[in-house]
PDB file of N, CA and C in Angstrom:
ATOM      1  N   MET A   1     -64.798  26.232 -16.740  1.00  0.00           N
ATOM      2  CA  MET A   1     -64.361  26.375 -15.368  1.00  0.00           C
ATOM      3  C   MET A   1     -62.910  26.843 -15.366  1.00  0.00           C
ATOM      4  N   ALA A   2     -62.643  27.855 -14.550  1.00  0.00           N
ATOM      5  CA  ALA A   2     -61.293  28.414 -14.497  1.00  0.00           C
ATOM      6  C   ALA A   2     -60.365  27.485 -13.727  1.00  0.00           C
ATOM      7  N   ALA A   3     -59.128  27.473 -14.179  1.00  0.00           N
ATOM      8  CA  ALA A   3     -58.130  26.636 -13.505  1.00  0.00           C
ATOM      9  C   ALA A   3     -57.797  27.250 -12.154  1.00  0.00           C
ATOM     10  N   PRO A   4     -57.604  26.422 -11.121  1.00  0.00           N
ATOM     11  CA  PRO A   4     -57.267  26.972  -9.805  1.00  0.00           C
ATOM     12  C   PRO A   4     -55.920  27.678  -9.851  1.00  0.00           C
ATOM     13  N   ARG A   5     -55.833  28.743  -9.069  1.00  0.00           N
ATOM     14  CA  ARG A   5     -54.590  29.513  -9.020  1.00  0.00           C
ATOM     15  C   ARG A   5     -53.538  28.752  -8.232  1.00  0.00           C
ATOM     16  N   LYS A   6     -52.318  28.922  -8.688  1.00  0.00           N
ATOM     17  CA  LYS A   6     -51.201  28.326  -7.960  1.00  0.00           C
ATOM     18  C   LYS A   6     -50.884  29.217  -6.769  1.00  0.00           C
ATOM     19  N   PRO A   7     -50.573  28.625  -5.626  1.00  0.00           N
ATOM     20  CA  PRO A   7     -50.202  29.465  -4.484  1.00  0.00           C
ATOM     21  C   PRO A   7     -48.912  30.216  -4.780  1.00  0.00           C
ATOM     22  N   ARG A   8     -48.882  31.451  -4.360  1.00  0.00           N
ATOM     23  CA  ARG A   8     -47.683  32.265  -4.560  1.00  0.00           C
ATOM     24  C   ARG A   8     -46.709  32.000  -3.426  1.00  0.00           C
ATOM     25  N   THR A   9     -45.484  31.949  -3.783  1.00  0.00           N
ATOM     26  CA  THR A   9     -44.473  31.818  -2.738  1.00  0.00           C
ATOM     27  C   THR A   9     -44.022  33.210  -2.350  1.00  0.00           C
ATOM     28  N   MET A  10     -43.961  33.423  -1.067  1.00  0.00           N
ATOM     29  CA  MET A  10     -43.553  34.728  -0.566  1.00  0.00           C
ATOM     30  C   MET A  10     -42.170  34.607   0.033  1.00  0.00           C
ATOM     31  N   LYS A  11     -41.424  35.649  -0.164  1.00  0.00           N
ATOM     32  CA  LYS A  11     -40.063  35.656   0.328  1.00  0.00           C
ATOM     33  C   LYS A  11     -39.948  36.738   1.403  1.00  0.00           C
ATOM     34  N   VAL A  12     -39.404  36.386   2.546  1.00  0.00           N
ATOM     35  CA  VAL A  12     -39.196  37.350   3.623  1.00  0.00           C
ATOM     36  C   VAL A  12     -37.949  38.145   3.289  1.00  0.00           C
ATOM     37  N   VAL A  13     -38.135  39.466   3.190  1.00  0.00           N
ATOM     38  CA  VAL A  13     -36.991  40.308   2.854  1.00  0.00           C
ATOM     39  C   VAL A  13     -36.376  40.949   4.084  1.00  0.00           C
ATOM     40  N   ASP A  14     -37.168  41.127   5.108  1.00  0.00           N
ATOM     41  CA  ASP A  14     -36.639  41.720   6.330  1.00  0.00           C
ATOM     42  C   ASP A  14     -37.536  41.295   7.479  1.00  0.00           C
ATOM     43  N   GLU A  15     -36.944  40.988   8.580  1.00  0.00           N
ATOM     44  CA  GLU A  15     -37.701  40.562   9.757  1.00  0.00           C
ATOM     45  C   GLU A  15     -38.440  41.741  10.392  1.00  0.00           C
ATOM     46  N   ARG A  16     -37.876  42.936  10.293  1.00  0.00           N
ATOM     47  CA  ARG A  16     -38.454  44.118  10.908  1.00  0.00           C
ATOM     48  C   ARG A  16     -38.983  45.066   9.851  1.00  0.00           C
ATOM     49  N   ILE A  17     -40.121  45.650  10.140  1.00  0.00           N
ATOM     50  CA  ILE A  17     -40.677  46.656   9.239  1.00  0.00           C
ATOM     51  C   ILE A  17     -40.659  47.981   9.981  1.00  0.00           C
ATOM     52  N   GLU A  18     -40.078  48.982   9.357  1.00  0.00           N
ATOM     53  CA  GLU A  18     -40.071  50.293   9.990  1.00  0.00           C
ATOM     54  C   GLU A  18     -41.420  50.942   9.769  1.00  0.00           C
ATOM     55  N   GLU A  19     -41.916  51.545  10.823  1.00  0.00           N
ATOM     56  CA  GLU A  19     -43.233  52.145  10.789  1.00  0.00           C
ATOM     57  C   GLU A  19     -43.120  53.627  10.462  1.00  0.00           C
ATOM     58  N   ASP A  20     -43.953  54.084   9.555  1.00  0.00           N
ATOM     59  CA  ASP A  20     -44.027  55.504   9.239  1.00  0.00           C
ATOM     60  C   ASP A  20     -44.768  56.179  10.395  1.00  0.00           C
ATOM     61  N   LEU A  21     -44.150  57.173  11.027  1.00  0.00           N
ATOM     62  CA  LEU A  21     -44.755  57.816  12.194  1.00  0.00           C
ATOM     63  C   LEU A  21     -46.082  58.490  11.876  1.00  0.00           C
ATOM     64  N   GLU A  22     -46.176  59.111  10.700  1.00  0.00           N
ATOM     65  CA  GLU A  22     -47.435  59.756  10.319  1.00  0.00           C
ATOM     66  C   GLU A  22     -48.552  58.734  10.217  1.00  0.00           C
ATOM     67  N   VAL A  23     -48.256  57.616   9.565  1.00  0.00           N
ATOM     68  CA  VAL A  23     -49.261  56.562   9.409  1.00  0.00           C
ATOM     69  C   VAL A  23     -49.618  55.987  10.773  1.00  0.00           C
ATOM     70  N   SER A  24     -48.624  55.785  11.606  1.00  0.00           N
ATOM     71  CA  SER A  24     -48.857  55.253  12.946  1.00  0.00           C
ATOM     72  C   SER A  24     -49.756  56.187  13.756  1.00  0.00           C
ATOM     73  N   ASP A  25     -49.479  57.491  13.696  1.00  0.00           N
ATOM     74  CA  ASP A  25     -50.305  58.468  14.408  1.00  0.00           C
ATOM     75  C   ASP A  25     -51.730  58.478  13.876  1.00  0.00           C
ATOM     76  N   LEU A  26     -51.863  58.411  12.548  1.00  0.00           N
ATOM     77  CA  LEU A  26     -53.184  58.389  11.932  1.00  0.00           C
ATOM     78  C   LEU A  26     -53.966  57.160  12.384  1.00  0.00           C
ATOM     79  N   VAL A  27     -53.334  56.011  12.354  1.00  0.00           N
ATOM     80  CA  VAL A  27     -53.999  54.775  12.769  1.00  0.00           C
ATOM     81  C   VAL A  27     -54.409  54.862  14.236  1.00  0.00           C
ATOM     82  N   SER A  28     -53.525  55.374  15.080  1.00  0.00           N
ATOM     83  CA  SER A  28     -53.845  55.519  16.508  1.00  0.00           C
ATOM     84  C   SER A  28     -55.032  56.448  16.715  1.00  0.00           C
ATOM     85  N   ARG A  29     -55.045  57.564  15.977  1.00  0.00           N
ATOM     86  CA  ARG A  29     -56.151  58.521  16.103  1.00  0.00           C
ATOM     87  C   ARG A  29     -57.459  57.905  15.638  1.00  0.00           C
ATOM     88  N   LEU A  30     -57.427  57.203  14.500  1.00  0.00           N
ATOM     89  CA  LEU A  30     -58.642  56.579  13.980  1.00  0.00           C
ATOM     90  C   LEU A  30     -59.157  55.486  14.916  1.00  0.00           C
ATOM     91  N   GLU A  31     -58.240  54.740  15.520  1.00  0.00           N
ATOM     92  CA  GLU A  31     -58.653  53.717  16.486  1.00  0.00           C
ATOM     93  C   GLU A  31     -59.317  54.361  17.702  1.00  0.00           C
ATOM     94  N   ALA A  32     -58.748  55.461  18.173  1.00  0.00           N
ATOM     95  CA  ALA A  32     -59.320  56.158  19.330  1.00  0.00           C
ATOM     96  C   ALA A  32     -60.705  56.702  18.998  1.00  0.00           C
ATOM     97  N   GLU A  33     -60.859  57.275  17.797  1.00  0.00           N
ATOM     98  CA  GLU A  33     -62.163  57.788  17.378  1.00  0.00           C
ATOM     99  C   GLU A  33     -63.178  56.659  17.289  1.00  0.00           C
ATOM    100  N   ALA A  34     -62.767  55.527  16.740  1.00  0.00           N
ATOM    101  CA  ALA A  34     -63.668  54.376  16.633  1.00  0.00           C
ATOM    102  C   ALA A  34     -64.078  53.896  18.018  1.00  0.00           C
ATOM    103  N   ASP A  35     -63.130  53.868  18.955  1.00  0.00           N
ATOM    104  CA  ASP A  35     -63.450  53.469  20.328  1.00  0.00           C
ATOM    105  C   ASP A  35     -64.461  54.427  20.948  1.00  0.00           C
ATOM    106  N   ASP A  36     -64.282  55.733  20.702  1.00  0.00           N
ATOM    107  CA  ASP A  36     -65.217  56.729  21.229  1.00  0.00           C
ATOM    108  C   ASP A  36     -66.605  56.540  20.639  1.00  0.00           C
ATOM    109  N   GLU A  37     -66.665  56.264  19.334  1.00  0.00           N
ATOM    110  CA  GLU A  37     -67.955  56.070  18.686  1.00  0.00           C
ATOM    111  C   GLU A  37     -68.678  54.854  19.240  1.00  0.00           C
ATOM    112  N   VAL A  38     -67.938  53.799  19.504  1.00  0.00           N
ATOM    113  CA  VAL A  38     -68.549  52.598  20.064  1.00  0.00           C
ATOM    114  C   VAL A  38     -69.082  52.896  21.460  1.00  0.00           C
ATOM    115  N   ALA A  39     -68.348  53.707  22.223  1.00  0.00           N
ATOM    116  CA  ALA A  39     -68.756  54.041  23.582  1.00  0.00           C
ATOM    117  C   ALA A  39     -69.935  55.008  23.601  1.00  0.00           C
ATOM    118  N   THR A  40     -70.162  55.716  22.510  1.00  0.00           N
ATOM    119  CA  THR A  40     -71.234  56.684  22.431  1.00  0.00           C
ATOM    120  C   THR A  40     -72.565  55.975  22.285  1.00  0.00           C
ATOM    121  N   GLY A  41     -73.536  56.371  23.076  1.00  0.00           N
ATOM    122  CA  GLY A  41     -74.876  55.806  22.960  1.00  0.00           C
ATOM    123  C   GLY A  41     -75.632  56.474  21.825  1.00  0.00           C
ATOM    124  N   SER A  42     -76.665  55.837  21.382  1.00  0.00           N
ATOM    125  CA  SER A  42     -77.484  56.448  20.341  1.00  0.00           C
ATOM    126  C   SER A  42     -78.952  56.240  20.685  1.00  0.00           C
ATOM    127  N   ILE A  43     -79.774  57.153  20.196  1.00  0.00           N
ATOM    128  CA  ILE A  43     -81.209  57.055  20.403  1.00  0.00           C
ATOM    129  C   ILE A  43     -81.913  57.284  19.078  1.00  0.00           C
ATOM    130  N   THR A  44     -83.148  56.871  19.020  1.00  0.00           N
ATOM    131  CA  THR A  44     -83.970  57.103  17.842  1.00  0.00           C
ATOM    132  C   THR A  44     -85.190  57.900  18.280  1.00  0.00           C
ATOM    133  N   LEU A  45     -85.465  58.975  17.581  1.00  0.00           N
ATOM    134  CA  LEU A  45     -86.644  59.790  17.860  1.00  0.00           C
ATOM    135  C   LEU A  45     -87.611  59.659  16.693  1.00  0.00           C
ATOM    136  N   ARG A  46     -88.855  59.446  16.996  1.00  0.00           N
ATOM    137  CA  ARG A  46     -89.872  59.375  15.942  1.00  0.00           C
ATOM    138  C   ARG A  46     -90.683  60.670  15.997  1.00  0.00           C
ATOM    139  N   TRP A  47     -90.462  61.513  15.017  1.00  0.00           N
ATOM    140  CA  TRP A  47     -91.128  62.800  14.951  1.00  0.00           C
ATOM    141  C   TRP A  47     -91.852  62.928  13.625  1.00  0.00           C
ATOM    142  N   GLY A  48     -92.811  63.841  13.619  1.00  0.00           N
ATOM    143  CA  GLY A  48     -93.503  64.146  12.380  1.00  0.00           C
ATOM    144  C   GLY A  48     -92.612  64.982  11.468  1.00  0.00           C
ATOM    145  N   ARG A  49     -92.953  64.975  10.194  1.00  0.00           N
ATOM    146  CA  ARG A  49     -92.137  65.734   9.226  1.00  0.00           C
ATOM    147  C   ARG A  49     -92.118  67.224   9.531  1.00  0.00           C
ATOM    148  N   GLY A  50     -93.250  67.740   9.983  1.00  0.00           N
ATOM    149  CA  GLY A  50     -93.311  69.161  10.321  1.00  0.00           C
ATOM    150  C   GLY A  50     -92.381  69.520  11.466  1.00  0.00           C
ATOM    151  N   GLN A  51     -92.341  68.665  12.475  1.00  0.00           N
ATOM    152  CA  GLN A  51     -91.449  68.903  13.608  1.00  0.00           C
ATOM    153  C   GLN A  51     -89.986  68.870  13.170  1.00  0.00           C
ATOM    154  N   ILE A  52     -89.658  67.909  12.337  1.00  0.00           N
ATOM    155  CA  ILE A  52     -88.281  67.796  11.839  1.00  0.00           C
ATOM    156  C   ILE A  52     -87.920  69.022  11.008  1.00  0.00           C
ATOM    157  N   ALA A  53     -88.870  69.489  10.212  1.00  0.00           N
ATOM    158  CA  ALA A  53     -88.617  70.668   9.378  1.00  0.00           C
ATOM    159  C   ALA A  53     -88.317  71.892  10.243  1.00  0.00           C
ATOM    160  N   VAL A  54     -89.050  72.040  11.346  1.00  0.00           N
ATOM    161  CA  VAL A  54     -88.810  73.170  12.250  1.00  0.00           C
ATOM    162  C   VAL A  54     -87.407  73.090  12.842  1.00  0.00           C
ATOM    163  N   VAL A  55     -87.022  71.902  13.286  1.00  0.00           N
ATOM    164  CA  VAL A  55     -85.695  71.714  13.882  1.00  0.00           C
ATOM    165  C   VAL A  55     -84.610  71.989  12.847  1.00  0.00           C
ATOM    166  N   LYS A  56     -84.795  71.480  11.637  1.00  0.00           N
ATOM    167  CA  LYS A  56     -83.799  71.702  10.582  1.00  0.00           C
ATOM    168  C   LYS A  56     -83.692  73.182  10.232  1.00  0.00           C
ATOM    169  N   ARG A  57     -84.825  73.883  10.250  1.00  0.00           N
ATOM    170  CA  ARG A  57     -84.804  75.310   9.940  1.00  0.00           C
ATOM    171  C   ARG A  57     -84.030  76.076  11.014  1.00  0.00           C
ATOM    172  N   ALA A  58     -84.299  75.761  12.269  1.00  0.00           N
ATOM    173  CA  ALA A  58     -83.585  76.428  13.366  1.00  0.00           C
ATOM    174  C   ALA A  58     -82.089  76.141  13.284  1.00  0.00           C
ATOM    175  N   ALA A  59     -81.738  74.898  12.986  1.00  0.00           N
ATOM    176  CA  ALA A  59     -80.323  74.526  12.867  1.00  0.00           C
ATOM    177  C   ALA A  59     -79.664  75.284  11.719  1.00  0.00           C
ATOM    178  N   ALA A  60     -80.379  75.397  10.609  1.00  0.00           N
ATOM    179  CA  ALA A  60     -79.830  76.102   9.448  1.00  0.00           C
ATOM    180  C   ALA A  60     -79.599  77.580   9.762  1.00  0.00           C
ATOM    181  N   ILE A  61     -80.524  78.179  10.505  1.00  0.00           N
ATOM    182  CA  ILE A  61     -80.369  79.589  10.882  1.00  0.00           C
ATOM    183  C   ILE A  61     -79.096  79.785  11.700  1.00  0.00           C
ATOM    184  N   LEU A  62     -78.808  78.810  12.576  1.00  0.00           N
ATOM    185  CA  LEU A  62     -77.602  78.900  13.409  1.00  0.00           C
ATOM    186  C   LEU A  62     -76.360  78.375  12.709  1.00  0.00           C
ATOM    187  N   GLY A  63     -76.559  77.760  11.540  1.00  0.00           N
ATOM    188  CA  GLY A  63     -75.416  77.273  10.765  1.00  0.00           C
ATOM    189  C   GLY A  63     -74.777  76.014  11.305  1.00  0.00           C
ATOM    190  N   VAL A  64     -75.588  75.150  11.936  1.00  0.00           N
ATOM    191  CA  VAL A  64     -75.068  73.877  12.445  1.00  0.00           C
ATOM    192  C   VAL A  64     -75.901  72.730  11.881  1.00  0.00           C
ATOM    193  N   PRO A  65     -75.332  71.543  11.789  1.00  0.00           N
ATOM    194  CA  PRO A  65     -76.119  70.385  11.363  1.00  0.00           C
ATOM    195  C   PRO A  65     -77.269  70.152  12.347  1.00  0.00           C
ATOM    196  N   TYR A  66     -78.397  69.669  11.845  1.00  0.00           N
ATOM    197  CA  TYR A  66     -79.566  69.550  12.712  1.00  0.00           C
ATOM    198  C   TYR A  66     -79.364  68.555  13.849  1.00  0.00           C
ATOM    199  N   GLN A  67     -78.572  67.511  13.633  1.00  0.00           N
ATOM    200  CA  GLN A  67     -78.338  66.558  14.724  1.00  0.00           C
ATOM    201  C   GLN A  67     -77.505  67.200  15.836  1.00  0.00           C
ATOM    202  N   THR A  68     -76.540  68.011  15.448  1.00  0.00           N
ATOM    203  CA  THR A  68     -75.750  68.751  16.434  1.00  0.00           C
ATOM    204  C   THR A  68     -76.655  69.713  17.193  1.00  0.00           C
ATOM    205  N   TYR A  69     -77.518  70.394  16.453  1.00  0.00           N
ATOM    206  CA  TYR A  69     -78.470  71.322  17.072  1.00  0.00           C
ATOM    207  C   TYR A  69     -79.349  70.596  18.090  1.00  0.00           C
ATOM    208  N   LEU A  70     -79.881  69.459  17.694  1.00  0.00           N
ATOM    209  CA  LEU A  70     -80.730  68.680  18.603  1.00  0.00           C
ATOM    210  C   LEU A  70     -79.986  68.310  19.881  1.00  0.00           C
ATOM    211  N   LYS A  71     -78.763  67.814  19.730  1.00  0.00           N
ATOM    212  CA  LYS A  71     -77.984  67.423  20.906  1.00  0.00           C
ATOM    213  C   LYS A  71     -77.765  68.615  21.834  1.00  0.00           C
ATOM    214  N   GLN A  72     -77.417  69.765  21.249  1.00  0.00           N
ATOM    215  CA  GLN A  72     -77.150  70.949  22.061  1.00  0.00           C
ATOM    216  C   GLN A  72     -78.405  71.416  22.794  1.00  0.00           C
ATOM    217  N   VAL A  73     -79.507  71.486  22.071  1.00  0.00           N
ATOM    218  CA  VAL A  73     -80.752  71.985  22.659  1.00  0.00           C
ATOM    219  C   VAL A  73     -81.259  71.041  23.745  1.00  0.00           C
ATOM    220  N   VAL A  74     -81.259  69.763  23.465  1.00  0.00           N
ATOM    221  CA  VAL A  74     -81.742  68.795  24.451  1.00  0.00           C
ATOM    222  C   VAL A  74     -80.861  68.819  25.693  1.00  0.00           C
ATOM    223  N   PHE A  75     -79.555  68.877  25.511  1.00  0.00           N
ATOM    224  CA  PHE A  75     -78.643  68.892  26.656  1.00  0.00           C
ATOM    225  C   PHE A  75     -78.859  70.143  27.505  1.00  0.00           C
ATOM    226  N   ARG A  76     -78.938  71.313  26.841  1.00  0.00           N
ATOM    227  CA  ARG A  76     -79.170  72.565  27.579  1.00  0.00           C
ATOM    228  C   ARG A  76     -80.484  72.515  28.352  1.00  0.00           C
ATOM    229  N   GLN A  77     -81.529  72.012  27.703  1.00  0.00           N
ATOM    230  CA  GLN A  77     -82.833  71.941  28.361  1.00  0.00           C
ATOM    231  C   GLN A  77     -82.801  70.983  29.542  1.00  0.00           C
ATOM    232  N   ALA A  78     -82.111  69.866  29.389  1.00  0.00           N
ATOM    233  CA  ALA A  78     -82.004  68.900  30.488  1.00  0.00           C
ATOM    234  C   ALA A  78     -81.302  69.531  31.689  1.00  0.00           C
ATOM    235  N   ILE A  79     -80.226  70.272  31.443  1.00  0.00           N
ATOM    236  CA  ILE A  79     -79.509  70.952  32.530  1.00  0.00           C
ATOM    237  C   ILE A  79     -80.428  71.955  33.217  1.00  0.00           C
ATOM    238  N   ASP A  80     -81.156  72.752  32.422  1.00  0.00           N
ATOM    239  CA  ASP A  80     -82.092  73.729  32.996  1.00  0.00           C
ATOM    240  C   ASP A  80     -83.163  73.035  33.835  1.00  0.00           C
ATOM    241  N   ASP A  81     -83.713  71.941  33.331  1.00  0.00           N
ATOM    242  CA  ASP A  81     -84.756  71.213  34.063  1.00  0.00           C
ATOM    243  C   ASP A  81     -84.225  70.664  35.384  1.00  0.00           C
ATOM    244  N   ILE A  82     -83.019  70.120  35.349  1.00  0.00           N
ATOM    245  CA  ILE A  82     -82.411  69.578  36.573  1.00  0.00           C
ATOM    246  C   ILE A  82     -82.188  70.697  37.590  1.00  0.00           C
ATOM    247  N   GLU A  83     -81.632  71.825  37.131  1.00  0.00           N
ATOM    248  CA  GLU A  83     -81.383  72.946  38.040  1.00  0.00           C
ATOM    249  C   GLU A  83     -82.685  73.467  38.633  1.00  0.00           C
ATOM    250  N   HIS A  84     -83.723  73.579  37.815  1.00  0.00           N
ATOM    251  CA  HIS A  84     -85.022  74.058  38.293  1.00  0.00           C
ATOM    252  C   HIS A  84     -85.604  73.084  39.318  1.00  0.00           C
ATOM    253  N   ALA A  85     -85.564  71.801  39.006  1.00  0.00           N
ATOM    254  CA  ALA A  85     -86.100  70.791  39.923  1.00  0.00           C
ATOM    255  C   ALA A  85     -85.341  70.803  41.243  1.00  0.00           C
ATOM    256  N   GLU A  86     -84.031  70.926  41.183  1.00  0.00           N
ATOM    257  CA  GLU A  86     -83.233  70.954  42.413  1.00  0.00           C
ATOM    258  C   GLU A  86     -83.545  72.200  43.242  1.00  0.00           C
ATOM    259  N   ALA A  87     -83.772  73.330  42.575  1.00  0.00           N
ATOM    260  CA  ALA A  87     -84.102  74.563  43.296  1.00  0.00           C
ATOM    261  C   ALA A  87     -85.457  74.433  43.986  1.00  0.00           C
ATOM    262  N   VAL A  88     -86.404  73.793  43.338  1.00  0.00           N
ATOM    263  CA  VAL A  88     -87.735  73.604  43.917  1.00  0.00           C
ATOM    264  C   VAL A  88     -87.694  72.567  45.031  1.00  0.00           C
ATOM    265  N   LEU A  89     -86.967  71.496  44.814  1.00  0.00           N
ATOM    266  CA  LEU A  89     -86.955  70.393  45.774  1.00  0.00           C
ATOM    267  C   LEU A  89     -86.025  70.625  46.960  1.00  0.00           C
ATOM    268  N   ALA A  90     -85.009  71.440  46.813  1.00  0.00           N
ATOM    269  CA  ALA A  90     -84.033  71.644  47.892  1.00  0.00           C
ATOM    270  C   ALA A  90     -84.687  72.171  49.167  1.00  0.00           C
ATOM    271  N   PRO A  91     -85.522  73.224  49.116  1.00  0.00           N
ATOM    272  CA  PRO A  91     -86.152  73.698  50.362  1.00  0.00           C
ATOM    273  C   PRO A  91     -87.051  72.627  50.993  1.00  0.00           C
ATOM    274  N   GLU A  92     -87.737  71.871  50.148  1.00  0.00           N
ATOM    275  CA  GLU A  92     -88.611  70.809  50.653  1.00  0.00           C
ATOM    276  C   GLU A  92     -87.790  69.739  51.373  1.00  0.00           C
ATOM    277  N   ARG A  93     -86.680  69.368  50.793  1.00  0.00           N
ATOM    278  CA  ARG A  93     -85.814  68.364  51.413  1.00  0.00           C
ATOM    279  C   ARG A  93     -85.237  68.887  52.724  1.00  0.00           C
ATOM    280  N   GLN A  94     -84.863  70.171  52.725  1.00  0.00           N
ATOM    281  CA  GLN A  94     -84.300  70.756  53.946  1.00  0.00           C
ATOM    282  C   GLN A  94     -85.339  70.789  55.060  1.00  0.00           C
ATOM    283  N   SER A  95     -86.575  71.148  54.712  1.00  0.00           N
ATOM    284  CA  SER A  95     -87.608  71.220  55.747  1.00  0.00           C
ATOM    285  C   SER A  95     -87.948  69.827  56.268  1.00  0.00           C
ATOM    286  N   ARG A  96     -87.943  68.814  55.407  1.00  0.00           N
ATOM    287  CA  ARG A  96     -88.178  67.442  55.864  1.00  0.00           C
ATOM    288  C   ARG A  96     -87.062  66.996  56.787  1.00  0.00           C
ATOM    289  N   GLY A  97     -85.839  67.356  56.439  1.00  0.00           N
ATOM    290  CA  GLY A  97     -84.692  66.985  57.270  1.00  0.00           C
ATOM    291  C   GLY A  97     -84.747  67.647  58.632  1.00  0.00           C
ATOM    292  N   SER A  98     -85.162  68.919  58.695  1.00  0.00           N
ATOM    293  CA  SER A  98     -85.222  69.609  59.987  1.00  0.00           C
ATOM    294  C   SER A  98     -86.376  69.075  60.823  1.00  0.00           C
ATOM    295  N   ARG A  99     -87.481  68.657  60.196  1.00  0.00           N
ATOM    296  CA  ARG A  99     -88.592  68.058  60.938  1.00  0.00           C
ATOM    297  C   ARG A  99     -88.176  66.734  61.553  1.00  0.00           C
ATOM    298  N   ARG A 100     -87.410  65.957  60.812  1.00  0.00           N
ATOM    299  CA  ARG A 100     -86.945  64.671  61.337  1.00  0.00           C
ATOM    300  C   ARG A 100     -86.033  64.882  62.541  1.00  0.00           C
ATOM    301  N   ARG A 101     -85.135  65.856  62.406  1.00  0.00           N
ATOM    302  CA  ARG A 101     -84.198  66.113  63.507  1.00  0.00           C
ATOM    303  C   ARG A 101     -84.940  66.608  64.746  1.00  0.00           C
ATOM    304  N   SER A 102     -85.914  67.516  64.560  1.00  0.00           N
ATOM    305  CA  SER A 102     -86.632  68.053  65.719  1.00  0.00           C
ATOM    306  C   SER A 102     -87.569  67.010  66.321  1.00  0.00           C
ATOM    307  N   GLY A 103     -88.113  66.131  65.520  1.00  0.00           N
ATOM    308  CA  GLY A 103     -89.013  65.091  66.012  1.00  0.00           C
ATOM    309  C   GLY A 103     -88.290  63.969  66.711  1.00  0.00           C
ATOM    310  N   SER A 104     -87.021  63.818  66.465  1.00  0.00           N
ATOM    311  CA  SER A 104     -86.279  62.707  67.054  1.00  0.00           C
ATOM    312  C   SER A 104     -85.736  63.039  68.428  1.00  0.00           C
ATOM    313  N   ASN A 105     -85.834  64.323  68.866  1.00  0.00           N
ATOM    314  CA  ASN A 105     -85.312  64.719  70.184  1.00  0.00           C
ATOM    315  C   ASN A 105     -86.247  64.347  71.278  1.00  0.00           C
TER     316      ASN A 105
END
């Protein structure tokens, strides 16, 4: 059995420690990045190997990581779907609104 270590005595050499600005900036940046990562949501997709291979191939052709490719494609498609739905639904909503106004007189 090893002998227990003796506690080391520490001597205070200076009450103030000067901070290296580069290190301080680096730490601040890393903390901000960590905060952003925590705030970022994540999802899990269960796909077949063939589907993943297709996505990876498309990403490779464009020269981007496949996860970046997925995020870009899904986001673009979601925007397109929303715009399309709003274009289809807007006239319907307007006609319902005008019927309500004319029926209430």
